Amino acid sequence: MVSRVGSWLRRMADRLAAIVGRGPGPGERAPGQRELESKLGYHFHDPGVLRQALTHRSHVHVTGMQRIESNERLEFLGDAVLGLVVNRFLYDRFLDKEEGDLTKIKSLLVCGSTLARVAEQLSLGEHLLLSRSEEGSGGRHRESILADAMEAVLGAVYLDGGLEPVEKVVREQILVNVNDSIQERSRRNYKSLLQEELQARFKIPPRYKISTTSGPDHARHFTVKVMLKGMVLGVGSGNSKKQAEQRAAETALVHLEENVANMGGVFPGSDEEERTESERSASTPRAPKTPDMPPDKGDSSWKEDAPAS
């Protein structure tokens, strides 16, 4: 009982600390901004835009700021700017490549793992504004958080200085190893690459389904479709399920931008067949809890948090 009360009091203290430490004032600098600017090779005219690019939604939540004050809007902008810069670079660099080949190379250069690796090289995680719980769970080194923050920083550079400086940052930080990325392409697992891309964009993994199976037992032929929330992204065939899945994933990567554009960036809801057990459980209403004492430490629905110092 004493430990539960003590835990509750600590959470209340964290909440008060969060209230006292509400969001930054206009133009306030990000932690270690000058060091980060030096690594980026760009000096911000408006320090506040970089700070926002480094502000994770967990920090926004515990400090009482508005959700739009997190880095998510800048991430959206940075994703578009990054795509434009990379597309132009590949168009000028590889005059003999067709659209499908250019798309495959691009997918390697802008995927979540690549962006997270660049963010690590810039020590971006050290500059992020996170809640204590997010930091405690390894948020400063989590691939998805780093990749999103990298896009947000690019969006901030574009917003602060325009296309020319962000193009310089992208070329120096991301495109500098383009030849290595092309060599890596022949060694990459397309299924892994597609999963990285979809997880980074939509936080949902793809699903693979066998459409048809033909041929005798000693020479089977499989056709597989890869889907996301009920939408078919690609189809592939092969002499094994693994080969068919790889080809389906490769097709999906080639047509991913087209499919996303056609759906307005939002995929339709899945039917019951496509839903996971966790999704079905999450949709089942739960009876509300009415505690008569400070909540147990493990009760996440009552957990309070505080920004990481």
Foldseek 3Di string as FASTA:
>chain_A
DVVLVVLLVVLVVQLVVLQVVADDDFQDAFVVRVLLCVVLVHDFPRRQLLNQLQEAQQSCVSNVHDSVSHLQVLLVQLVVLLVVLLLVVLVVPCVPDDLLVSLLLVLLLLFLQLQLVLLVVSLSLVRHWHWPVCVVVPVSNDSLNSSSSSSSNLSSCCVRPNNVSSSVSCCVRGVVCSVVSVVCSVVDQLQVSLQRRCCSQPVFGKDKDWPDWDDDPVFIKTKIFIDDQAHTQFIAIDSDPSRRVSRRSSSSSSCVVVVCVVVVNDDDHHDPVPDDPVVVVVPDDDDDDDDPDRDGPPPVVPGRIHMDD
